[in-house]
Amino acid sequence: MSVRPDPRAHRWTGPATGDIVAWADEWIIKATSPDGTALDMSGVSSDVLRRRPDGTHIYLVDNPTATGTATLD
């Protein structure tokens, strides 16, 4: 038996300035471990990215465990 994650996220995209954009994700992951134990994880992350000339983005700031109690509505 393998871990079967069920990820869900709500993304907020902030205003862009030129090629720079900020975003935040409120995420939830529910999974079942190999031994059948239910796993529930959640959090909020925030990031600042730059758009490259080819249209892809690169992380400038990655805060995977953003602190605070705000929720994204």
N, C-alpha and C. Protein backbone atom coordinates (compact mmCIF):
# COMPACT_ATOMS: atom_id res chain seq x y z
N MET A 1 0.85 -1.18 0.00
CA MET A 1 0.00 0.00 0.00
C MET A 1 0.90 1.24 0.00
N SER A 2 0.54 2.23 -0.81
CA SER A 2 1.33 3.46 -0.86
C SER A 2 0.53 4.61 -0.28
N VAL A 3 1.23 5.73 -0.05
CA VAL A 3 0.57 6.93 0.44
C VAL A 3 -0.25 7.50 -0.72
N ARG A 4 -1.52 7.81 -0.45
CA ARG A 4 -2.40 8.35 -1.48
C ARG A 4 -2.83 9.76 -1.09
N PRO A 5 -2.08 10.78 -1.49
CA PRO A 5 -2.42 12.15 -1.08
C PRO A 5 -3.60 12.70 -1.86
N ASP A 6 -4.36 13.58 -1.22
CA ASP A 6 -5.45 14.31 -1.84
C ASP A 6 -5.22 15.79 -1.54
N PRO A 7 -4.34 16.46 -2.33
CA PRO A 7 -4.01 17.86 -2.04
C PRO A 7 -5.09 18.80 -2.56
N ARG A 8 -5.33 19.88 -1.81
CA ARG A 8 -6.26 20.93 -2.21
C ARG A 8 -5.63 22.26 -1.81
N ALA A 9 -5.83 23.28 -2.64
CA ALA A 9 -5.24 24.58 -2.33
C ALA A 9 -6.13 25.70 -2.83
N HIS A 10 -6.05 26.81 -2.14
CA HIS A 10 -6.71 28.05 -2.56
C HIS A 10 -5.60 29.07 -2.75
N ARG A 11 -5.44 29.56 -3.96
CA ARG A 11 -4.35 30.49 -4.25
C ARG A 11 -4.87 31.91 -4.38
N TRP A 12 -4.16 32.82 -3.74
CA TRP A 12 -4.41 34.25 -3.89
C TRP A 12 -3.21 34.83 -4.61
N THR A 13 -3.46 35.52 -5.71
CA THR A 13 -2.38 36.17 -6.45
C THR A 13 -2.47 37.66 -6.23
N GLY A 14 -1.39 38.23 -5.75
CA GLY A 14 -1.35 39.66 -5.48
C GLY A 14 -1.06 40.44 -6.74
N PRO A 15 -0.98 41.75 -6.62
CA PRO A 15 -0.70 42.58 -7.79
C PRO A 15 0.71 42.34 -8.30
N ALA A 16 0.85 42.42 -9.61
CA ALA A 16 2.17 42.27 -10.23
C ALA A 16 2.76 43.64 -10.47
N THR A 17 4.07 43.73 -10.33
CA THR A 17 4.81 44.95 -10.65
C THR A 17 5.86 44.54 -11.67
N GLY A 18 5.63 44.89 -12.91
CA GLY A 18 6.53 44.43 -13.96
C GLY A 18 6.47 42.91 -14.04
N ASP A 19 7.61 42.27 -13.87
CA ASP A 19 7.69 40.81 -13.93
C ASP A 19 7.67 40.16 -12.55
N ILE A 20 7.39 40.94 -11.49
CA ILE A 20 7.39 40.42 -10.12
C ILE A 20 5.94 40.25 -9.66
N VAL A 21 5.64 39.10 -9.04
CA VAL A 21 4.30 38.85 -8.52
C VAL A 21 4.41 38.14 -7.17
N ALA A 22 3.46 38.44 -6.29
CA ALA A 22 3.38 37.76 -4.99
C ALA A 22 2.16 36.85 -5.01
N TRP A 23 2.28 35.71 -4.33
CA TRP A 23 1.11 34.88 -4.17
C TRP A 23 1.16 34.16 -2.85
N ALA A 24 -0.01 33.67 -2.43
CA ALA A 24 -0.13 32.90 -1.19
C ALA A 24 -1.04 31.71 -1.46
N ASP A 25 -0.75 30.62 -0.81
CA ASP A 25 -1.56 29.41 -0.92
C ASP A 25 -1.99 28.97 0.46
N GLU A 26 -3.28 28.70 0.63
CA GLU A 26 -3.78 28.02 1.83
C GLU A 26 -4.02 26.59 1.36
N TRP A 27 -3.33 25.62 1.98
CA TRP A 27 -3.37 24.26 1.46
C TRP A 27 -3.76 23.24 2.52
N ILE A 28 -4.32 22.16 2.03
CA ILE A 28 -4.71 21.01 2.86
C ILE A 28 -4.29 19.76 2.11
N ILE A 29 -3.66 18.84 2.80
CA ILE A 29 -3.34 17.54 2.22
C ILE A 29 -3.87 16.47 3.16
N LYS A 30 -4.70 15.61 2.61
CA LYS A 30 -5.19 14.45 3.34
C LYS A 30 -4.62 13.23 2.63
N ALA A 31 -4.11 12.30 3.40
CA ALA A 31 -3.48 11.12 2.82
C ALA A 31 -3.67 9.92 3.74
N THR A 32 -3.38 8.77 3.20
CA THR A 32 -3.39 7.54 3.98
C THR A 32 -1.98 6.96 3.91
N SER A 33 -1.38 6.71 5.06
CA SER A 33 -0.02 6.17 5.10
C SER A 33 -0.05 4.69 4.72
N PRO A 34 1.10 4.10 4.43
CA PRO A 34 1.14 2.69 4.07
C PRO A 34 0.52 1.76 5.11
N ASP A 35 0.55 2.16 6.39
CA ASP A 35 -0.05 1.30 7.41
C ASP A 35 -1.54 1.59 7.63
N GLY A 36 -2.13 2.49 6.82
CA GLY A 36 -3.55 2.79 6.91
C GLY A 36 -3.90 3.97 7.80
N THR A 37 -2.90 4.60 8.40
CA THR A 37 -3.15 5.76 9.26
C THR A 37 -3.52 6.97 8.42
N ALA A 38 -4.59 7.66 8.83
CA ALA A 38 -5.00 8.88 8.13
C ALA A 38 -4.07 10.03 8.50
N LEU A 39 -3.64 10.80 7.51
CA LEU A 39 -2.78 11.95 7.71
C LEU A 39 -3.53 13.19 7.25
N ASP A 40 -3.59 14.21 8.09
CA ASP A 40 -4.19 15.50 7.74
C ASP A 40 -3.17 16.59 8.03
N MET A 41 -2.78 17.32 6.98
CA MET A 41 -1.82 18.41 7.12
C MET A 41 -2.41 19.65 6.46
N SER A 42 -2.09 20.83 7.00
CA SER A 42 -2.56 22.06 6.37
C SER A 42 -1.61 23.19 6.72
N GLY A 43 -1.69 24.26 5.94
CA GLY A 43 -0.84 25.41 6.21
C GLY A 43 -1.08 26.51 5.20
N VAL A 44 -0.28 27.54 5.32
CA VAL A 44 -0.31 28.67 4.40
C VAL A 44 1.12 28.93 3.96
N SER A 45 1.32 29.15 2.68
CA SER A 45 2.65 29.51 2.18
C SER A 45 2.53 30.83 1.43
N SER A 46 3.63 31.54 1.33
CA SER A 46 3.66 32.79 0.56
C SER A 46 4.95 32.84 -0.24
N ASP A 47 4.86 33.42 -1.43
CA ASP A 47 6.00 33.43 -2.33
C ASP A 47 6.05 34.72 -3.14
N VAL A 48 7.24 35.04 -3.61
CA VAL A 48 7.45 36.14 -4.56
C VAL A 48 8.18 35.53 -5.75
N LEU A 49 7.64 35.76 -6.95
CA LEU A 49 8.21 35.17 -8.16
C LEU A 49 8.53 36.22 -9.20
N ARG A 50 9.42 35.86 -10.12
CA ARG A 50 9.75 36.71 -11.27
C ARG A 50 9.44 35.92 -12.54
N ARG A 51 8.76 36.59 -13.48
CA ARG A 51 8.49 35.95 -14.76
C ARG A 51 9.73 36.04 -15.64
N ARG A 52 10.10 34.93 -16.22
CA ARG A 52 11.25 34.87 -17.13
C ARG A 52 10.80 35.25 -18.55
N PRO A 53 11.74 35.56 -19.42
CA PRO A 53 11.38 35.91 -20.81
C PRO A 53 10.60 34.81 -21.53
N ASP A 54 10.80 33.53 -21.15
CA ASP A 54 10.08 32.45 -21.82
C ASP A 54 8.68 32.20 -21.22
N GLY A 55 8.27 33.04 -20.23
CA GLY A 55 6.93 32.92 -19.65
C GLY A 55 6.86 32.08 -18.39
N THR A 56 7.92 31.34 -18.07
CA THR A 56 7.95 30.58 -16.83
C THR A 56 8.30 31.51 -15.68
N HIS A 57 8.16 31.02 -14.46
CA HIS A 57 8.46 31.83 -13.28
C HIS A 57 9.57 31.19 -12.46
N ILE A 58 10.33 32.03 -11.76
CA ILE A 58 11.36 31.57 -10.84
C ILE A 58 11.08 32.18 -9.47
N TYR A 59 11.27 31.38 -8.42
CA TYR A 59 11.05 31.86 -7.06
C TYR A 59 12.16 32.81 -6.64
N LEU A 60 11.78 33.98 -6.14
CA LEU A 60 12.75 34.89 -5.53
C LEU A 60 12.72 34.72 -4.02
N VAL A 61 11.51 34.55 -3.46
CA VAL A 61 11.32 34.32 -2.03
C VAL A 61 10.32 33.19 -1.89
N ASP A 62 10.67 32.16 -1.14
CA ASP A 62 9.78 31.02 -0.89
C ASP A 62 9.60 30.89 0.61
N ASN A 63 8.41 31.12 1.09
CA ASN A 63 8.10 30.98 2.51
C ASN A 63 7.06 29.87 2.63
N PRO A 64 7.50 28.60 2.67
CA PRO A 64 6.55 27.47 2.65
C PRO A 64 5.71 27.33 3.90
N THR A 65 6.11 27.96 4.99
CA THR A 65 5.34 27.86 6.23
C THR A 65 5.04 29.26 6.75
N ALA A 66 4.41 30.06 5.91
CA ALA A 66 4.09 31.44 6.30
C ALA A 66 3.39 31.45 7.65
N THR A 67 3.76 32.37 8.49
CA THR A 67 3.18 32.44 9.83
C THR A 67 2.01 33.40 9.85
N GLY A 68 1.21 33.31 10.88
CA GLY A 68 0.06 34.18 11.05
C GLY A 68 -1.21 33.36 11.10
N THR A 69 -2.31 34.04 11.32
CA THR A 69 -3.58 33.34 11.46
C THR A 69 -4.58 33.73 10.39
N ALA A 70 -4.19 34.52 9.41
CA ALA A 70 -5.11 34.94 8.36
C ALA A 70 -5.48 33.77 7.47
N THR A 71 -6.71 33.77 6.98
CA THR A 71 -7.13 32.77 6.00
C THR A 71 -7.44 33.49 4.71
N LEU A 72 -7.37 32.78 3.63
CA LEU A 72 -7.62 33.34 2.30
C LEU A 72 -9.07 33.09 1.94
N ASP A 73 -9.85 34.12 1.85
CA ASP A 73 -11.27 33.99 1.51
C ASP A 73 -11.57 34.54 0.15
